[in-house]
């Protein structure tokens, strides 16, 4: 009986240590990604003549949400999921919104958010990972769960996309801010 108890205690300690190790790895990745994002933003600012096209703007997450919702609405209105399938884009949108909301996305949730069968979504997650646009990380508290998130490259690409796609909206917003400040 004592031997069984000792085995169980050792197992519980091992699981806790694995969780702590995974958490440390996740923190190290976040630090690395943060440095890469800062470097990418500085390079983007140099590349665009100091205008900061790679910098973040609060409206971009709203545009991402609207884009994602528009894609779901199209499917609903036209009554066919086969007409508008683009699971990689849906996954990237979902992960960008999650990053802006500081929320974690499990692989299962990413599969659901892509609006395609799980096998198709998993294939696209693997492709996006190979392209360096997203990373997987183990849940430190539950070894069965794996999270996905945008890599530094993926996040920078989404910022660049929304910066170029929303240029007129952001410029209009900046003009209004400047106009209000002059009053």
Protein backbone atom coordinates (compact mmCIF):
# COMPACT_ATOMS: atom_id res chain seq x y z
CA UNK A 1 0.00 0.00 0.00
CA UNK A 2 2.80 2.43 0.92
CA UNK A 3 4.61 1.63 -2.29
CA UNK A 4 1.48 2.47 -4.32
CA UNK A 5 1.08 5.76 -2.46
CA UNK A 6 4.71 6.65 -3.12
CA UNK A 7 4.33 5.84 -6.82
CA UNK A 8 1.23 8.04 -7.00
CA UNK A 9 3.02 10.93 -5.23
CA UNK A 10 6.00 10.62 -7.53
CA UNK A 11 3.71 10.56 -10.54
CA UNK A 12 1.87 13.69 -9.33
CA UNK A 13 5.23 15.45 -8.80
CA UNK A 14 6.39 14.43 -12.28
CA UNK A 15 3.19 15.76 -13.84
CA UNK A 16 3.61 19.08 -11.98
CA UNK A 17 7.25 19.33 -13.14
CA UNK A 18 6.23 18.65 -16.73
CA UNK A 19 3.58 21.36 -16.45
CA UNK A 20 6.12 23.84 -15.06
CA UNK A 21 8.61 22.96 -17.81
CA UNK A 22 5.95 23.48 -20.49
CA UNK A 23 4.97 26.79 -18.93
CA UNK A 24 8.62 27.94 -18.94
CA UNK A 25 8.94 26.94 -22.60
CA UNK A 26 5.78 28.89 -23.44
CA UNK A 27 7.12 31.94 -21.61
CA UNK A 28 10.44 31.69 -23.45
CA UNK A 29 8.58 31.48 -26.78
CA UNK A 30 6.51 34.54 -25.90
CA UNK A 31 9.65 36.48 -25.05
CA UNK A 32 11.26 35.39 -28.31
CA UNK A 33 8.13 36.23 -30.31
CA UNK A 34 7.83 39.62 -28.60
CA UNK A 35 11.38 40.49 -29.57
CA UNK A 36 10.75 39.33 -33.14
CA UNK A 37 7.55 41.40 -33.38
CA UNK A 38 9.38 44.47 -32.09
CA UNK A 39 12.18 43.90 -34.60
CA UNK A 40 9.67 43.33 -37.43
CA UNK A 41 7.81 46.52 -36.47
CA UNK A 42 11.07 48.50 -36.51
CA UNK A 43 11.98 47.05 -39.91
CA UNK A 44 8.47 47.81 -41.20
CA UNK A 45 8.75 51.40 -39.97
CA UNK A 46 12.10 51.79 -41.75
CA UNK A 47 10.71 50.17 -44.90
CA UNK A 48 7.65 52.42 -45.09
CA UNK A 49 9.57 55.62 -44.45
CA UNK A 50 8.62 55.89 -40.77
CA UNK A 51 4.85 55.75 -41.35
CA UNK A 52 4.49 52.63 -39.21
CA UNK A 53 2.44 50.46 -41.57
CA UNK A 54 3.51 47.38 -39.59
CA UNK A 55 2.49 48.95 -36.30
CA UNK A 56 -0.70 47.93 -34.61
CA UNK A 57 -4.00 49.79 -34.75
CA UNK A 58 -7.06 49.00 -32.60
CA UNK A 59 -9.40 48.95 -35.58
CA UNK A 60 -7.65 45.94 -37.14
CA UNK A 61 -9.08 43.45 -34.67
CA UNK A 62 -12.55 44.84 -35.41
CA UNK A 63 -11.92 44.43 -39.13
CA UNK A 64 -10.73 40.87 -38.49
CA UNK A 65 -13.91 40.11 -36.52
CA UNK A 66 -16.04 41.64 -39.25
CA UNK A 67 -14.19 39.64 -41.92
CA UNK A 68 -14.69 36.42 -39.97
CA UNK A 69 -18.38 37.18 -39.34
CA UNK A 70 -18.87 38.11 -43.02
CA UNK A 71 -17.48 34.72 -44.04
CA UNK A 72 -19.95 32.92 -41.74
CA UNK A 73 -22.81 35.12 -43.01
CA UNK A 74 -22.03 34.29 -46.66
CA UNK A 75 -22.22 30.58 -45.91
CA UNK A 76 -25.50 31.03 -44.05
CA UNK A 77 -27.15 33.22 -46.70
CA UNK A 78 -26.07 31.13 -49.68
CA UNK A 79 -26.80 27.90 -47.81
CA UNK A 80 -23.61 26.15 -48.82
CA UNK A 81 -20.35 25.60 -47.00
CA UNK A 82 -18.70 24.29 -50.18
CA UNK A 83 -18.92 27.60 -52.05
CA UNK A 84 -16.73 29.70 -49.78
CA UNK A 85 -14.28 27.32 -48.13
CA UNK A 86 -10.98 28.88 -47.16
CA UNK A 87 -9.99 27.14 -43.92
CA UNK A 88 -6.43 28.51 -43.72
CA UNK A 89 -7.74 32.10 -43.78
CA UNK A 90 -10.43 31.28 -41.22
CA UNK A 91 -7.80 29.79 -38.90
CA UNK A 92 -5.52 32.82 -39.31
CA UNK A 93 -8.40 35.22 -38.63
CA UNK A 94 -9.46 33.25 -35.56
CA UNK A 95 -5.90 33.20 -34.19
CA UNK A 96 -5.38 36.91 -34.90
CA UNK A 97 -8.57 37.81 -33.04
CA UNK A 98 -7.55 35.50 -30.18
CA UNK A 99 -4.11 37.13 -29.99
CA UNK A 100 -5.68 40.58 -29.81
CA UNK A 101 -8.05 39.37 -27.06
CA UNK A 102 -5.16 37.62 -25.26
CA UNK A 103 -7.03 34.33 -25.35
CA UNK A 104 -5.67 30.86 -26.02
CA UNK A 105 -7.07 28.69 -28.80
CA UNK A 106 -6.93 24.93 -28.59
CA UNK A 107 -6.39 22.86 -31.71
CA UNK A 108 -9.95 21.59 -31.32
CA UNK A 109 -11.32 25.14 -31.18
CA UNK A 110 -9.25 26.15 -34.23
CA UNK A 111 -10.70 23.19 -36.12
CA UNK A 112 -14.25 24.25 -35.21
CA UNK A 113 -13.50 27.87 -36.14
CA UNK A 114 -12.29 26.86 -39.59
CA UNK A 115 -15.79 25.56 -40.47
CA UNK A 116 -14.45 22.44 -42.18
CA UNK A 117 -14.12 18.81 -41.05
CA UNK A 118 -11.48 18.29 -38.36
CA UNK A 119 -9.22 16.27 -40.65
CA UNK A 120 -9.15 19.13 -43.18
CA UNK A 121 -8.56 21.71 -40.46
CA UNK A 122 -5.73 19.65 -38.95
CA UNK A 123 -4.12 19.39 -42.38
CA UNK A 124 -4.29 23.19 -42.74
CA UNK A 125 -2.91 23.73 -39.24
CA UNK A 126 0.06 21.55 -40.19
CA UNK A 127 0.57 23.50 -43.42
CA UNK A 128 0.37 26.85 -41.60
CA UNK A 129 2.85 25.56 -39.03
CA UNK A 130 5.27 24.43 -41.76
CA UNK A 131 4.94 27.85 -43.37
CA UNK A 132 5.96 29.40 -40.05
CA UNK A 133 2.65 31.24 -39.60
CA UNK A 134 1.52 29.49 -36.43
CA UNK A 135 3.00 27.50 -33.58
CA UNK A 136 1.65 24.74 -31.39
CA UNK A 137 2.24 24.65 -27.66
CA UNK A 138 1.30 22.08 -25.06
CA UNK A 139 -1.05 22.99 -22.25
CA UNK A 140 1.09 22.96 -19.09
CA UNK A 141 -1.90 21.88 -17.00
CA UNK A 142 -3.28 19.17 -19.28
CA UNK A 143 -0.95 17.08 -21.42
CA UNK A 144 -3.87 16.06 -23.65
CA UNK A 145 -4.53 19.63 -24.84
CA UNK A 146 -2.48 21.53 -27.41
CA UNK A 147 -2.88 25.21 -28.18
CA UNK A 148 -2.13 27.01 -31.44
CA UNK A 149 -1.27 30.64 -31.90
CA UNK A 150 0.16 32.91 -34.54
CA UNK A 151 3.93 32.90 -34.76
CA UNK A 152 5.74 36.23 -34.82
CA UNK A 153 5.83 35.94 -38.61
CA UNK A 154 2.12 35.11 -38.78
CA UNK A 155 1.16 37.98 -36.49
CA UNK A 156 3.31 40.42 -38.46
CA UNK A 157 1.73 39.18 -41.71
CA UNK A 158 -1.77 39.72 -40.32
CA UNK A 159 -0.80 43.21 -39.17
CA UNK A 160 0.57 43.96 -42.62
CA UNK A 161 -2.59 42.60 -44.27
CA UNK A 162 -4.94 44.70 -42.15
CA UNK A 163 -2.67 47.74 -42.40
CA UNK A 164 -2.85 47.63 -46.18
CA UNK A 165 -6.50 46.53 -46.33
CA UNK A 166 -7.66 49.25 -43.96
CA UNK A 167 -5.36 52.06 -45.05
CA UNK A 168 -8.18 54.47 -45.91
CA UNK A 169 -10.17 53.66 -42.76
CA UNK A 170 -7.13 54.16 -40.51
CA UNK A 171 -6.15 57.35 -42.31
CA UNK A 172 -9.71 58.62 -41.96
CA UNK A 173 -9.64 57.74 -38.25
CA UNK A 174 -6.27 59.49 -37.79
CA UNK A 175 -7.59 62.58 -39.62
CA UNK A 176 -10.63 62.72 -37.32
CA UNK A 177 -8.38 62.41 -34.26
CA UNK A 178 -6.18 65.25 -35.52
CA UNK A 179 -9.27 67.33 -36.36
CA UNK A 180 -10.72 66.76 -32.87
CA UNK A 181 -7.41 67.74 -31.28
CA UNK A 182 -7.41 71.06 -33.23
CA UNK A 183 -10.80 72.06 -31.80
